[in-house]
Amino acid sequence: MANWLVKTEPDSWSWDDQVKQGAKGGEWTGVRNPQANRHMREMKKGDRVFFYHTGKEKQVVGIAEVVGEAHPDSTDAAYPAVDIRAVEPLAKPVTLAAVKADAELKDMVLARVPRLSVQPVTDAEWKRIIALSKG
């Protein structure tokens, strides 16, 4: 099982919107960056996903799960999409500033390439984000 982080502008698609999709989840569309698309093609059913709000918030807000592997994006079949469902919100959101300030997360893609919309997360990074979310 792999870990990922997906980013979204909460004014366009928020954690609450994702939660409303229910247990079935919904299609994660609109990713056009080639590197992010490669990551989406690597996602497997059951993989864990951090849900990150961009814009003014810049914070990890929840945990989701891949429920459908890469398939043509319904908004443009030239690109891949995956299906994800919300699992649970984080106890406390973890900000980008907190990630960048944490020595254990200095090599995390989010700290180094914060604009990449779909990125891998190591097991150690996953555990550290969870720990930070618990205070």
Protein backbone atom coordinates (compact mmCIF):
# COMPACT_ATOMS: atom_id res chain seq x y z
CA MET A 1 0.00 0.00 0.00
CA ALA A 2 1.31 3.44 -0.93
CA ASN A 3 0.59 6.87 0.52
CA TRP A 4 -0.22 10.00 -1.45
CA LEU A 5 -1.20 13.64 -1.05
CA VAL A 6 -3.70 15.38 -3.36
CA LYS A 7 -4.18 19.10 -3.42
CA THR A 8 -7.28 21.14 -4.11
CA GLU A 9 -8.42 24.73 -3.88
CA PRO A 10 -11.16 24.55 -1.22
CA ASP A 11 -13.25 27.15 -3.08
CA SER A 12 -13.41 24.71 -6.01
CA TRP A 13 -13.52 21.36 -4.18
CA SER A 14 -13.22 21.15 -0.41
CA TRP A 15 -12.93 18.38 2.15
CA ASP A 16 -16.63 18.88 2.89
CA ASP A 17 -17.41 18.37 -0.82
CA GLN A 18 -15.38 15.17 -0.77
CA VAL A 19 -17.18 13.92 2.35
CA LYS A 20 -20.54 14.52 0.63
CA GLN A 21 -19.52 11.99 -2.05
CA GLY A 22 -20.10 9.30 0.57
CA ALA A 23 -18.62 5.81 0.78
CA LYS A 24 -18.67 5.46 -3.00
CA GLY A 25 -16.31 8.41 -3.38
CA GLY A 26 -15.86 10.38 -6.54
CA GLU A 27 -13.58 11.06 -9.47
CA TRP A 28 -10.44 13.15 -8.88
CA THR A 29 -10.23 15.14 -12.11
CA GLY A 30 -8.46 18.08 -13.69
CA VAL A 31 -4.85 17.08 -13.05
CA ARG A 32 -2.74 18.18 -16.01
CA ASN A 33 0.85 18.21 -14.70
CA PRO A 34 2.81 15.30 -16.27
CA GLN A 35 4.54 14.34 -13.01
CA ALA A 36 1.25 14.43 -11.08
CA ASN A 37 -0.35 12.33 -13.84
CA ARG A 38 2.40 9.71 -13.47
CA HIS A 39 1.66 9.56 -9.76
CA MET A 40 -2.05 9.10 -10.43
CA ARG A 41 -1.32 6.17 -12.74
CA GLU A 42 0.65 4.55 -9.89
CA MET A 43 -2.21 4.84 -7.38
CA LYS A 44 -3.81 1.54 -6.39
CA LYS A 45 -7.12 0.71 -4.77
CA GLY A 46 -6.69 0.89 -0.99
CA ASP A 47 -3.83 3.42 -1.06
CA ARG A 48 -4.08 6.13 1.61
CA VAL A 49 -4.33 9.78 0.59
CA PHE A 50 -3.83 13.02 2.49
CA PHE A 51 -6.35 15.65 1.39
CA TYR A 52 -4.70 19.09 1.22
CA HIS A 53 -6.34 22.50 0.90
CA THR A 54 -4.32 24.99 -1.12
CA GLY A 55 -4.92 28.74 -1.40
CA LYS A 56 -5.13 30.70 1.83
CA GLU A 57 -5.35 27.56 4.00
CA LYS A 58 -2.29 25.57 2.87
CA GLN A 59 -2.96 22.61 5.15
CA VAL A 60 -3.57 18.87 5.24
CA VAL A 61 -7.16 18.50 6.43
CA GLY A 62 -8.17 14.88 5.98
CA ILE A 63 -7.48 11.30 5.02
CA ALA A 64 -8.98 9.72 1.93
CA GLU A 65 -8.59 6.37 0.18
CA VAL A 66 -8.21 5.37 -3.46
CA VAL A 67 -11.32 3.41 -4.42
CA GLY A 68 -10.81 3.39 -8.20
CA GLU A 69 -7.54 3.16 -10.08
CA ALA A 70 -6.47 5.33 -13.01
CA HIS A 71 -8.96 5.70 -15.83
CA PRO A 72 -9.63 8.42 -18.43
CA ASP A 73 -10.59 11.73 -16.83
CA SER A 74 -14.25 12.46 -17.57
CA THR A 75 -13.37 16.14 -18.16
CA ASP A 76 -10.61 15.30 -20.70
CA ALA A 77 -9.91 11.69 -21.64
CA ALA A 78 -6.31 12.57 -22.59
CA TYR A 79 -5.50 12.64 -18.87
CA PRO A 80 -5.94 10.13 -16.05
CA ALA A 81 -8.25 10.39 -13.05
CA VAL A 82 -8.67 8.21 -9.98
CA ASP A 83 -11.60 7.76 -7.64
CA ILE A 84 -11.17 8.62 -3.97
CA ARG A 85 -13.41 8.62 -0.94
CA ALA A 86 -13.13 10.56 2.30
CA VAL A 87 -12.17 8.44 5.31
CA GLU A 88 -11.80 10.91 8.18
CA PRO A 89 -10.73 14.47 8.94
CA LEU A 90 -7.45 15.03 10.72
CA ALA A 91 -7.83 15.76 14.44
CA LYS A 92 -6.15 19.11 13.72
CA PRO A 93 -5.09 20.37 10.25
CA VAL A 94 -1.34 20.35 9.58
CA THR A 95 -0.17 23.51 7.83
CA LEU A 96 2.47 23.80 5.14
CA ALA A 97 4.41 26.05 7.53
CA ALA A 98 4.41 23.25 10.14
CA VAL A 99 5.61 20.74 7.54
CA LYS A 100 8.44 23.03 6.42
CA ALA A 101 9.45 23.73 10.03
CA ASP A 102 9.61 20.05 11.01
CA ALA A 103 13.09 18.50 10.67
CA GLU A 104 11.56 15.04 10.08
CA LEU A 105 9.64 16.38 7.06
CA LYS A 106 12.40 18.44 5.42
CA ASP A 107 12.65 15.99 2.49
CA MET A 108 8.89 15.61 2.00
CA VAL A 109 7.76 16.53 -1.52
CA LEU A 110 5.25 18.96 0.01
CA ALA A 111 8.12 20.86 1.66
CA ARG A 112 10.31 20.87 -1.46
CA VAL A 113 7.79 21.09 -4.35
CA PRO A 114 4.63 22.46 -2.75
CA ARG A 115 2.89 23.21 -6.06
CA LEU A 116 2.78 19.56 -7.26
CA SER A 117 -0.90 18.56 -7.07
CA VAL A 118 -0.45 14.80 -6.60
CA GLN A 119 2.59 13.57 -4.73
CA PRO A 120 3.91 10.50 -2.93
CA VAL A 121 4.22 10.39 0.86
CA THR A 122 6.57 7.97 2.62
CA ASP A 123 5.39 5.83 5.54
CA ALA A 124 7.57 7.88 7.93
CA GLU A 125 6.11 11.15 6.58
CA TRP A 126 2.59 9.74 6.91
CA LYS A 127 3.19 8.84 10.55
CA ARG A 128 4.73 12.24 11.28
CA ILE A 129 1.80 14.17 9.75
CA ILE A 130 -0.62 12.05 11.79
CA ALA A 131 1.41 12.77 14.94
CA LEU A 132 1.42 16.51 14.22
CA SER A 133 -2.34 16.43 13.68
CA LYS A 134 -2.79 15.02 17.18
CA GLY A 135 -0.89 17.89 18.73
